[in-house]
PDB file of N, CA and C in Angstrom:
ATOM      1  N   MET A   1       2.764  -6.084  29.473  1.00  0.00           N
ATOM      2  CA  MET A   1       3.151  -7.005  28.425  1.00  0.00           C
ATOM      3  C   MET A   1       4.639  -7.329  28.611  1.00  0.00           C
ATOM      4  N   SER A   2       4.995  -8.579  28.472  1.00  0.00           N
ATOM      5  CA  SER A   2       6.395  -8.964  28.656  1.00  0.00           C
ATOM      6  C   SER A   2       7.225  -8.531  27.447  1.00  0.00           C
ATOM      7  N   ASN A   3       8.525  -8.491  27.638  1.00  0.00           N
ATOM      8  CA  ASN A   3       9.444  -8.126  26.570  1.00  0.00           C
ATOM      9  C   ASN A   3       9.262  -9.066  25.367  1.00  0.00           C
ATOM     10  N   GLN A   4       9.129 -10.367  25.638  1.00  0.00           N
ATOM     11  CA  GLN A   4       8.957 -11.324  24.538  1.00  0.00           C
ATOM     12  C   GLN A   4       7.638 -11.091  23.800  1.00  0.00           C
ATOM     13  N   GLN A   5       6.600 -10.747  24.527  1.00  0.00           N
ATOM     14  CA  GLN A   5       5.320 -10.452  23.883  1.00  0.00           C
ATOM     15  C   GLN A   5       5.431  -9.210  22.985  1.00  0.00           C
ATOM     16  N   LEU A   6       6.181  -8.231  23.450  1.00  0.00           N
ATOM     17  CA  LEU A   6       6.394  -7.030  22.643  1.00  0.00           C
ATOM     18  C   LEU A   6       7.195  -7.340  21.383  1.00  0.00           C
ATOM     19  N   VAL A   7       8.201  -8.189  21.528  1.00  0.00           N
ATOM     20  CA  VAL A   7       8.999  -8.602  20.360  1.00  0.00           C
ATOM     21  C   VAL A   7       8.116  -9.379  19.386  1.00  0.00           C
ATOM     22  N   ASP A   8       7.321 -10.297  19.909  1.00  0.00           N
ATOM     23  CA  ASP A   8       6.420 -11.083  19.059  1.00  0.00           C
ATOM     24  C   ASP A   8       5.428 -10.187  18.325  1.00  0.00           C
ATOM     25  N   ARG A   9       4.910  -9.184  19.038  1.00  0.00           N
ATOM     26  CA  ARG A   9       3.974  -8.240  18.432  1.00  0.00           C
ATOM     27  C   ARG A   9       4.641  -7.466  17.293  1.00  0.00           C
ATOM     28  N   ALA A  10       5.870  -7.031  17.532  1.00  0.00           N
ATOM     29  CA  ALA A  10       6.600  -6.289  16.499  1.00  0.00           C
ATOM     30  C   ALA A  10       6.921  -7.182  15.302  1.00  0.00           C
ATOM     31  N   MET A  11       7.294  -8.411  15.563  1.00  0.00           N
ATOM     32  CA  MET A  11       7.599  -9.339  14.465  1.00  0.00           C
ATOM     33  C   MET A  11       6.338  -9.616  13.642  1.00  0.00           C
ATOM     34  N   SER A  12       5.243  -9.842  14.317  1.00  0.00           N
ATOM     35  CA  SER A  12       3.980 -10.096  13.625  1.00  0.00           C
ATOM     36  C   SER A  12       3.586  -8.879  12.782  1.00  0.00           C
ATOM     37  N   ALA A  13       3.748  -7.703  13.349  1.00  0.00           N
ATOM     38  CA  ALA A  13       3.432  -6.472  12.623  1.00  0.00           C
ATOM     39  C   ALA A  13       4.370  -6.293  11.429  1.00  0.00           C
ATOM     40  N   SER A  14       5.622  -6.715  11.568  1.00  0.00           N
ATOM     41  CA  SER A  14       6.587  -6.618  10.468  1.00  0.00           C
ATOM     42  C   SER A  14       6.159  -7.498   9.305  1.00  0.00           C
ATOM     43  N   VAL A  15       5.784  -8.715   9.623  1.00  0.00           N
ATOM     44  CA  VAL A  15       5.339  -9.648   8.578  1.00  0.00           C
ATOM     45  C   VAL A  15       4.088  -9.098   7.892  1.00  0.00           C
ATOM     46  N   ALA A  16       3.146  -8.590   8.674  1.00  0.00           N
ATOM     47  CA  ALA A  16       1.913  -8.037   8.116  1.00  0.00           C
ATOM     48  C   ALA A  16       2.213  -6.845   7.212  1.00  0.00           C
ATOM     49  N   TRP A  17       3.180  -6.026   7.599  1.00  0.00           N
ATOM     50  CA  TRP A  17       3.535  -4.861   6.793  1.00  0.00           C
ATOM     51  C   TRP A  17       4.147  -5.291   5.463  1.00  0.00           C
ATOM     52  N   VAL A  18       5.049  -6.267   5.496  1.00  0.00           N
ATOM     53  CA  VAL A  18       5.666  -6.755   4.253  1.00  0.00           C
ATOM     54  C   VAL A  18       4.593  -7.351   3.339  1.00  0.00           C
ATOM     55  N   GLN A  19       3.682  -8.116   3.902  1.00  0.00           N
ATOM     56  CA  GLN A  19       2.602  -8.691   3.106  1.00  0.00           C
ATOM     57  C   GLN A  19       1.730  -7.592   2.499  1.00  0.00           C
ATOM     58  N   ALA A  20       1.436  -6.575   3.271  1.00  0.00           N
ATOM     59  CA  ALA A  20       0.621  -5.462   2.773  1.00  0.00           C
ATOM     60  C   ALA A  20       1.345  -4.716   1.657  1.00  0.00           C
ATOM     61  N   GLU A  21       2.624  -4.503   1.812  1.00  0.00           N
ATOM     62  CA  GLU A  21       3.407  -3.836   0.770  1.00  0.00           C
ATOM     63  C   GLU A  21       3.435  -4.672  -0.508  1.00  0.00           C
ATOM     64  N   ASN A  22       3.516  -5.980  -0.374  1.00  0.00           N
ATOM     65  CA  ASN A  22       3.459  -6.858  -1.545  1.00  0.00           C
ATOM     66  C   ASN A  22       2.107  -6.748  -2.231  1.00  0.00           C
ATOM     67  N   MET A  23       1.046  -6.627  -1.439  1.00  0.00           N
ATOM     68  CA  MET A  23      -0.291  -6.457  -2.008  1.00  0.00           C
ATOM     69  C   MET A  23      -0.406  -5.129  -2.748  1.00  0.00           C
ATOM     70  N   VAL A  24       0.230  -4.099  -2.234  1.00  0.00           N
ATOM     71  CA  VAL A  24       0.224  -2.799  -2.913  1.00  0.00           C
ATOM     72  C   VAL A  24       0.926  -2.925  -4.266  1.00  0.00           C
ATOM     73  N   ARG A  25       2.079  -3.566  -4.282  1.00  0.00           N
ATOM     74  CA  ARG A  25       2.809  -3.746  -5.542  1.00  0.00           C
ATOM     75  C   ARG A  25       1.970  -4.526  -6.553  1.00  0.00           C
ATOM     76  N   GLU A  26       1.316  -5.576  -6.089  1.00  0.00           N
ATOM     77  CA  GLU A  26       0.488  -6.386  -6.984  1.00  0.00           C
ATOM     78  C   GLU A  26      -0.698  -5.581  -7.506  1.00  0.00           C
ATOM     79  N   ALA A  27      -1.360  -4.832  -6.634  1.00  0.00           N
ATOM     80  CA  ALA A  27      -2.499  -4.017  -7.054  1.00  0.00           C
ATOM     81  C   ALA A  27      -2.062  -2.934  -8.039  1.00  0.00           C
ATOM     82  N   LYS A  28      -0.888  -2.362  -7.816  1.00  0.00           N
ATOM     83  CA  LYS A  28      -0.359  -1.341  -8.722  1.00  0.00           C
ATOM     84  C   LYS A  28      -0.094  -1.953 -10.101  1.00  0.00           C
ATOM     85  N   TYR A  29       0.492  -3.148 -10.107  1.00  0.00           N
ATOM     86  CA  TYR A  29       0.744  -3.852 -11.364  1.00  0.00           C
ATOM     87  C   TYR A  29      -0.574  -4.113 -12.100  1.00  0.00           C
ATOM     88  N   GLU A  30      -1.582  -4.596 -11.365  1.00  0.00           N
ATOM     89  CA  GLU A  30      -2.881  -4.898 -11.968  1.00  0.00           C
ATOM     90  C   GLU A  30      -3.525  -3.636 -12.544  1.00  0.00           C
ATOM     91  N   TYR A  31      -3.431  -2.539 -11.835  1.00  0.00           N
ATOM     92  CA  TYR A  31      -4.006  -1.277 -12.307  1.00  0.00           C
ATOM     93  C   TYR A  31      -3.298  -0.811 -13.582  1.00  0.00           C
ATOM     94  N   HIS A  32      -1.978  -0.864 -13.569  1.00  0.00           N
ATOM     95  CA  HIS A  32      -1.227  -0.442 -14.752  1.00  0.00           C
ATOM     96  C   HIS A  32      -1.499  -1.369 -15.935  1.00  0.00           C
ATOM     97  N   ALA A  33      -1.658  -2.667 -15.658  1.00  0.00           N
ATOM     98  CA  ALA A  33      -1.993  -3.617 -16.718  1.00  0.00           C
ATOM     99  C   ALA A  33      -3.376  -3.301 -17.296  1.00  0.00           C
ATOM    100  N   ALA A  34      -4.322  -2.939 -16.441  1.00  0.00           N
ATOM    101  CA  ALA A  34      -5.665  -2.572 -16.914  1.00  0.00           C
ATOM    102  C   ALA A  34      -5.609  -1.325 -17.792  1.00  0.00           C
ATOM    103  N   LEU A  35      -4.792  -0.363 -17.396  1.00  0.00           N
ATOM    104  CA  LEU A  35      -4.621   0.838 -18.223  1.00  0.00           C
ATOM    105  C   LEU A  35      -4.040   0.473 -19.584  1.00  0.00           C
ATOM    106  N   GLU A  36      -2.998  -0.331 -19.576  1.00  0.00           N
ATOM    107  CA  GLU A  36      -2.360  -0.735 -20.837  1.00  0.00           C
ATOM    108  C   GLU A  36      -3.329  -1.514 -21.724  1.00  0.00           C
ATOM    109  N   ASP A  37      -4.120  -2.394 -21.119  1.00  0.00           N
ATOM    110  CA  ASP A  37      -5.127  -3.146 -21.884  1.00  0.00           C
ATOM    111  C   ASP A  37      -6.127  -2.193 -22.530  1.00  0.00           C
ATOM    112  N   PHE A  38      -6.576  -1.213 -21.775  1.00  0.00           N
ATOM    113  CA  PHE A  38      -7.522  -0.232 -22.317  1.00  0.00           C
ATOM    114  C   PHE A  38      -6.886   0.524 -23.478  1.00  0.00           C
ATOM    115  N   PHE A  39      -5.667   0.986 -23.273  1.00  0.00           N
ATOM    116  CA  PHE A  39      -4.995   1.758 -24.315  1.00  0.00           C
ATOM    117  C   PHE A  39      -4.719   0.913 -25.556  1.00  0.00           C
ATOM    118  N   THR A  40      -4.451  -0.356 -25.376  1.00  0.00           N
ATOM    119  CA  THR A  40      -4.206  -1.253 -26.513  1.00  0.00           C
ATOM    120  C   THR A  40      -5.463  -1.377 -27.370  1.00  0.00           C
ATOM    121  N   VAL A  41      -6.600  -1.494 -26.712  1.00  0.00           N
ATOM    122  CA  VAL A  41      -7.863  -1.674 -27.431  1.00  0.00           C
ATOM    123  C   VAL A  41      -8.392  -0.352 -27.996  1.00  0.00           C
ATOM    124  N   HIS A  42      -8.356   0.711 -27.210  1.00  0.00           N
ATOM    125  CA  HIS A  42      -9.008   1.974 -27.574  1.00  0.00           C
ATOM    126  C   HIS A  42      -8.041   3.087 -27.968  1.00  0.00           C
ATOM    127  N   GLY A  43      -6.764   2.881 -27.774  1.00  0.00           N
ATOM    128  CA  GLY A  43      -5.799   3.945 -28.009  1.00  0.00           C
ATOM    129  C   GLY A  43      -5.700   4.852 -26.798  1.00  0.00           C
ATOM    130  N   ARG A  44      -4.584   5.569 -26.718  1.00  0.00           N
ATOM    131  CA  ARG A  44      -4.383   6.470 -25.581  1.00  0.00           C
ATOM    132  C   ARG A  44      -4.855   7.854 -25.973  1.00  0.00           C
ATOM    133  N   PRO A  45      -5.762   8.438 -25.183  1.00  0.00           N
ATOM    134  CA  PRO A  45      -6.218   9.799 -25.486  1.00  0.00           C
ATOM    135  C   PRO A  45      -5.061  10.802 -25.397  1.00  0.00           C
ATOM    136  N   GLU A  46      -5.230  11.886 -26.083  1.00  0.00           N
ATOM    137  CA  GLU A  46      -4.240  12.960 -26.045  1.00  0.00           C
ATOM    138  C   GLU A  46      -4.370  13.722 -24.736  1.00  0.00           C
ATOM    139  N   GLY A  47      -3.264  14.272 -24.301  1.00  0.00           N
ATOM    140  CA  GLY A  47      -3.293  15.127 -23.125  1.00  0.00           C
ATOM    141  C   GLY A  47      -2.824  14.417 -21.871  1.00  0.00           C
ATOM    142  N   THR A  48      -3.000  15.108 -20.764  1.00  0.00           N
ATOM    143  CA  THR A  48      -2.562  14.634 -19.459  1.00  0.00           C
ATOM    144  C   THR A  48      -3.634  13.768 -18.821  1.00  0.00           C
ATOM    145  N   PHE A  49      -3.206  12.649 -18.233  1.00  0.00           N
ATOM    146  CA  PHE A  49      -4.134  11.756 -17.546  1.00  0.00           C
ATOM    147  C   PHE A  49      -4.628  12.475 -16.301  1.00  0.00           C
ATOM    148  N   SER A  50      -5.902  12.846 -16.331  1.00  0.00           N
ATOM    149  CA  SER A  50      -6.491  13.598 -15.226  1.00  0.00           C
ATOM    150  C   SER A  50      -7.997  13.430 -15.244  1.00  0.00           C
ATOM    151  N   ARG A  51      -8.603  13.484 -14.069  1.00  0.00           N
ATOM    152  CA  ARG A  51     -10.069  13.455 -13.988  1.00  0.00           C
ATOM    153  C   ARG A  51     -10.659  14.689 -14.670  1.00  0.00           C
ATOM    154  N   ASP A  52      -9.895  15.750 -14.705  1.00  0.00           N
ATOM    155  CA  ASP A  52     -10.368  16.998 -15.299  1.00  0.00           C
ATOM    156  C   ASP A  52     -10.301  16.979 -16.820  1.00  0.00           C
ATOM    157  N   ASN A  53      -9.576  16.023 -17.388  1.00  0.00           N
ATOM    158  CA  ASN A  53      -9.454  15.903 -18.836  1.00  0.00           C
ATOM    159  C   ASN A  53     -10.543  14.947 -19.326  1.00  0.00           C
ATOM    160  N   GLU A  54     -11.533  15.485 -20.025  1.00  0.00           N
ATOM    161  CA  GLU A  54     -12.670  14.679 -20.468  1.00  0.00           C
ATOM    162  C   GLU A  54     -12.269  13.521 -21.357  1.00  0.00           C
ATOM    163  N   ALA A  55     -11.144  13.625 -22.030  1.00  0.00           N
ATOM    164  CA  ALA A  55     -10.687  12.546 -22.903  1.00  0.00           C
ATOM    165  C   ALA A  55     -10.375  11.278 -22.107  1.00  0.00           C
ATOM    166  N   PHE A  56     -10.106  11.420 -20.813  1.00  0.00           N
ATOM    167  CA  PHE A  56      -9.727  10.269 -19.995  1.00  0.00           C
ATOM    168  C   PHE A  56     -10.868   9.724 -19.130  1.00  0.00           C
ATOM    169  N   ILE A  57     -12.049  10.308 -19.220  1.00  0.00           N
ATOM    170  CA  ILE A  57     -13.173   9.848 -18.392  1.00  0.00           C
ATOM    171  C   ILE A  57     -13.476   8.377 -18.659  1.00  0.00           C
ATOM    172  N   GLU A  58     -13.496   7.974 -19.914  1.00  0.00           N
ATOM    173  CA  GLU A  58     -13.785   6.578 -20.261  1.00  0.00           C
ATOM    174  C   GLU A  58     -12.708   5.639 -19.698  1.00  0.00           C
ATOM    175  N   VAL A  59     -11.460   6.066 -19.756  1.00  0.00           N
ATOM    176  CA  VAL A  59     -10.360   5.269 -19.203  1.00  0.00           C
ATOM    177  C   VAL A  59     -10.552   5.110 -17.693  1.00  0.00           C
ATOM    178  N   ILE A  60     -10.834   6.198 -17.026  1.00  0.00           N
ATOM    179  CA  ILE A  60     -11.014   6.187 -15.572  1.00  0.00           C
ATOM    180  C   ILE A  60     -12.189   5.290 -15.185  1.00  0.00           C
ATOM    181  N   ASP A  61     -13.275   5.398 -15.925  1.00  0.00           N
ATOM    182  CA  ASP A  61     -14.442   4.555 -15.637  1.00  0.00           C
ATOM    183  C   ASP A  61     -14.132   3.074 -15.858  1.00  0.00           C
ATOM    184  N   ALA A  62     -13.423   2.772 -16.931  1.00  0.00           N
ATOM    185  CA  ALA A  62     -13.129   1.381 -17.269  1.00  0.00           C
ATOM    186  C   ALA A  62     -12.162   0.736 -16.278  1.00  0.00           C
ATOM    187  N   THR A  63     -11.270   1.520 -15.713  1.00  0.00           N
ATOM    188  CA  THR A  63     -10.248   0.971 -14.806  1.00  0.00           C
ATOM    189  C   THR A  63     -10.563   1.247 -13.335  1.00  0.00           C
ATOM    190  N   ALA A  64     -11.739   1.781 -13.062  1.00  0.00           N
ATOM    191  CA  ALA A  64     -12.113   2.154 -11.686  1.00  0.00           C
ATOM    192  C   ALA A  64     -11.994   0.995 -10.692  1.00  0.00           C
ATOM    193  N   PRO A  65     -12.446  -0.224 -11.030  1.00  0.00           N
ATOM    194  CA  PRO A  65     -12.311  -1.313 -10.045  1.00  0.00           C
ATOM    195  C   PRO A  65     -10.853  -1.596  -9.668  1.00  0.00           C
ATOM    196  N   HIS A  66      -9.961  -1.508 -10.641  1.00  0.00           N
ATOM    197  CA  HIS A  66      -8.539  -1.727 -10.367  1.00  0.00           C
ATOM    198  C   HIS A  66      -7.957  -0.591  -9.536  1.00  0.00           C
ATOM    199  N   TYR A  67      -8.387   0.631  -9.847  1.00  0.00           N
ATOM    200  CA  TYR A  67      -7.920   1.780  -9.083  1.00  0.00           C
ATOM    201  C   TYR A  67      -8.409   1.703  -7.639  1.00  0.00           C
ATOM    202  N   GLN A  68      -9.668   1.317  -7.456  1.00  0.00           N
ATOM    203  CA  GLN A  68     -10.219   1.187  -6.109  1.00  0.00           C
ATOM    204  C   GLN A  68      -9.496   0.086  -5.333  1.00  0.00           C
ATOM    205  N   ALA A  69      -9.161  -1.008  -6.003  1.00  0.00           N
ATOM    206  CA  ALA A  69      -8.410  -2.088  -5.346  1.00  0.00           C
ATOM    207  C   ALA A  69      -7.025  -1.587  -4.931  1.00  0.00           C
ATOM    208  N   LEU A  70      -6.404  -0.767  -5.772  1.00  0.00           N
ATOM    209  CA  LEU A  70      -5.101  -0.196  -5.434  1.00  0.00           C
ATOM    210  C   LEU A  70      -5.221   0.718  -4.219  1.00  0.00           C
ATOM    211  N   GLN A  71      -6.236   1.555  -4.181  1.00  0.00           N
ATOM    212  CA  GLN A  71      -6.418   2.458  -3.043  1.00  0.00           C
ATOM    213  C   GLN A  71      -6.678   1.681  -1.756  1.00  0.00           C
ATOM    214  N   LYS A  72      -7.447   0.607  -1.854  1.00  0.00           N
ATOM    215  CA  LYS A  72      -7.717  -0.233  -0.687  1.00  0.00           C
ATOM    216  C   LYS A  72      -6.429  -0.895  -0.190  1.00  0.00           C
ATOM    217  N   ALA A  73      -5.615  -1.386  -1.123  1.00  0.00           N
ATOM    218  CA  ALA A  73      -4.344  -2.002  -0.746  1.00  0.00           C
ATOM    219  C   ALA A  73      -3.420  -0.976  -0.098  1.00  0.00           C
ATOM    220  N   LYS A  74      -3.404   0.242  -0.627  1.00  0.00           N
ATOM    221  CA  LYS A  74      -2.579   1.295  -0.040  1.00  0.00           C
ATOM    222  C   LYS A  74      -3.019   1.612   1.389  1.00  0.00           C
ATOM    223  N   ARG A  75      -4.332   1.683   1.607  1.00  0.00           N
ATOM    224  CA  ARG A  75      -4.823   1.944   2.969  1.00  0.00           C
ATOM    225  C   ARG A  75      -4.384   0.828   3.916  1.00  0.00           C
ATOM    226  N   LYS A  76      -4.477  -0.408   3.451  1.00  0.00           N
ATOM    227  CA  LYS A  76      -4.033  -1.530   4.280  1.00  0.00           C
ATOM    228  C   LYS A  76      -2.534  -1.427   4.553  1.00  0.00           C
ATOM    229  N   GLY A  77      -1.780  -0.996   3.553  1.00  0.00           N
ATOM    230  CA  GLY A  77      -0.346  -0.810   3.748  1.00  0.00           C
ATOM    231  C   GLY A  77      -0.036   0.272   4.763  1.00  0.00           C
ATOM    232  N   TYR A  78      -0.742   1.395   4.670  1.00  0.00           N
ATOM    233  CA  TYR A  78      -0.537   2.479   5.627  1.00  0.00           C
ATOM    234  C   TYR A  78      -0.881   2.013   7.038  1.00  0.00           C
ATOM    235  N   ASN A  79      -1.994   1.304   7.160  1.00  0.00           N
ATOM    236  CA  ASN A  79      -2.410   0.821   8.482  1.00  0.00           C
ATOM    237  C   ASN A  79      -1.427  -0.199   9.038  1.00  0.00           C
ATOM    238  N   ALA A  80      -0.911  -1.067   8.178  1.00  0.00           N
ATOM    239  CA  ALA A  80       0.075  -2.055   8.635  1.00  0.00           C
ATOM    240  C   ALA A  80       1.350  -1.359   9.099  1.00  0.00           C
ATOM    241  N   ARG A  81       1.766  -0.325   8.370  1.00  0.00           N
ATOM    242  CA  ARG A  81       2.955   0.435   8.767  1.00  0.00           C
ATOM    243  C   ARG A  81       2.726   1.142  10.100  1.00  0.00           C
ATOM    244  N   ARG A  82       1.527   1.693  10.283  1.00  0.00           N
ATOM    245  CA  ARG A  82       1.187   2.357  11.546  1.00  0.00           C
ATOM    246  C   ARG A  82       1.216   1.357  12.699  1.00  0.00           C
ATOM    247  N   ARG A  83       0.653   0.159  12.481  1.00  0.00           N
ATOM    248  CA  ARG A  83       0.662  -0.861  13.541  1.00  0.00           C
ATOM    249  C   ARG A  83       2.091  -1.306  13.856  1.00  0.00           C
ATOM    250  N   LEU A  84       2.930  -1.412  12.836  1.00  0.00           N
ATOM    251  CA  LEU A  84       4.335  -1.760  13.066  1.00  0.00           C
ATOM    252  C   LEU A  84       5.010  -0.677  13.890  1.00  0.00           C
ATOM    253  N   ARG A  85       4.792   0.566  13.518  1.00  0.00           N
ATOM    254  CA  ARG A  85       5.397   1.673  14.251  1.00  0.00           C
ATOM    255  C   ARG A  85       4.938   1.675  15.717  1.00  0.00           C
ATOM    256  N   THR A  86       3.652   1.419  15.936  1.00  0.00           N
ATOM    257  CA  THR A  86       3.106   1.371  17.291  1.00  0.00           C
ATOM    258  C   THR A  86       3.742   0.237  18.087  1.00  0.00           C
ATOM    259  N   ALA A  87       3.902  -0.925  17.456  1.00  0.00           N
ATOM    260  CA  ALA A  87       4.486  -2.080  18.144  1.00  0.00           C
ATOM    261  C   ALA A  87       5.951  -1.821  18.497  1.00  0.00           C
ATOM    262  N   VAL A  88       6.699  -1.236  17.583  1.00  0.00           N
ATOM    263  CA  VAL A  88       8.116  -0.947  17.848  1.00  0.00           C
ATOM    264  C   VAL A  88       8.234   0.135  18.915  1.00  0.00           C
ATOM    265  N   ASP A  89       7.390   1.153  18.841  1.00  0.00           N
ATOM    266  CA  ASP A  89       7.414   2.199  19.875  1.00  0.00           C
ATOM    267  C   ASP A  89       7.121   1.619  21.257  1.00  0.00           C
ATOM    268  N   ALA A  90       6.171   0.689  21.341  1.00  0.00           N
ATOM    269  CA  ALA A  90       5.845   0.055  22.629  1.00  0.00           C
ATOM    270  C   ALA A  90       7.046  -0.738  23.147  1.00  0.00           C
ATOM    271  N   TYR A  91       7.715  -1.420  22.252  1.00  0.00           N
ATOM    272  CA  TYR A  91       8.910  -2.183  22.624  1.00  0.00           C
ATOM    273  C   TYR A  91      10.001  -1.253  23.155  1.00  0.00           C
ATOM    274  N   LEU A  92      10.228  -0.162  22.436  1.00  0.00           N
ATOM    275  CA  LEU A  92      11.257   0.786  22.855  1.00  0.00           C
ATOM    276  C   LEU A  92      10.879   1.472  24.164  1.00  0.00           C
ATOM    277  N   LYS A  93       9.644   1.817  24.325  1.00  0.00           N
ATOM    278  CA  LYS A  93       9.180   2.477  25.546  1.00  0.00           C
ATOM    279  C   LYS A  93       9.355   1.562  26.758  1.00  0.00           C
ATOM    280  N   ALA A  94       9.197   0.259  26.548  1.00  0.00           N
ATOM    281  CA  ALA A  94       9.349  -0.700  27.635  1.00  0.00           C
ATOM    282  C   ALA A  94      10.817  -0.979  27.936  1.00  0.00           C
ATOM    283  N   GLY A  95      11.714  -0.338  27.203  1.00  0.00           N
ATOM    284  CA  GLY A  95      13.145  -0.527  27.463  1.00  0.00           C
ATOM    285  C   GLY A  95      13.714  -1.738  26.744  1.00  0.00           C
ATOM    286  N   GLY A  96      13.037  -2.186  25.699  1.00  0.00           N
ATOM    287  CA  GLY A  96      13.483  -3.362  24.962  1.00  0.00           C
ATOM    288  C   GLY A  96      14.783  -3.175  24.216  1.00  0.00           C
ATOM    289  N   ALA A  97      15.120  -1.959  23.901  1.00  0.00           N
ATOM    290  CA  ALA A  97      16.377  -1.673  23.214  1.00  0.00           C
ATOM    291  C   ALA A  97      16.813  -0.266  23.635  1.00  0.00           C
ATOM    292  N   HIS A  98      18.077  -0.033  23.525  1.00  0.00           N
ATOM    293  CA  HIS A  98      18.619   1.287  23.865  1.00  0.00           C
ATOM    294  C   HIS A  98      19.005   2.001  22.597  1.00  0.00           C
ATOM    295  N   GLU A  99      18.748   3.297  22.548  1.00  0.00           N
ATOM    296  CA  GLU A  99      19.038   4.079  21.357  1.00  0.00           C
ATOM    297  C   GLU A  99      20.515   4.066  20.997  1.00  0.00           C
ATOM    298  N   ASP A 100      21.420   3.933  21.962  1.00  0.00           N
ATOM    299  CA  ASP A 100      22.846   3.962  21.671  1.00  0.00           C
ATOM    300  C   ASP A 100      23.336   2.653  21.052  1.00  0.00           C
ATOM    301  N   GLN A 101      22.464   1.639  20.891  1.00  0.00           N
ATOM    302  CA  GLN A 101      22.870   0.374  20.277  1.00  0.00           C
ATOM    303  C   GLN A 101      22.875   0.482  18.772  1.00  0.00           C
ATOM    304  N   GLY A 102      22.177   1.477  18.212  1.00  0.00           N
ATOM    305  CA  GLY A 102      21.977   1.600  16.778  1.00  0.00           C
ATOM    306  C   GLY A 102      23.192   1.883  16.043  1.00  0.00           C
TER     307      GLY A 102
END
């Protein structure tokens, strides 16, 4: 792969990572909004928010789609970060930059 192709790959991976991180932030906002909506309508149960706390089972069930969307976005974010790291490592391994330039 040419140096320019490696740079292009890293740039593309950078953009994908930023987009994925934005999706994580949006999914987190949506999940928290769903929690707040639930609490506004039903009140907030007493105790610690946990799967082990039976008072929160209804909350967890009601917000499950938002939570699952958040987890999916996080996985995409992790994968995008991994692809970025792989692309930058390939660039560095090919001699695209020297460590003493940093």
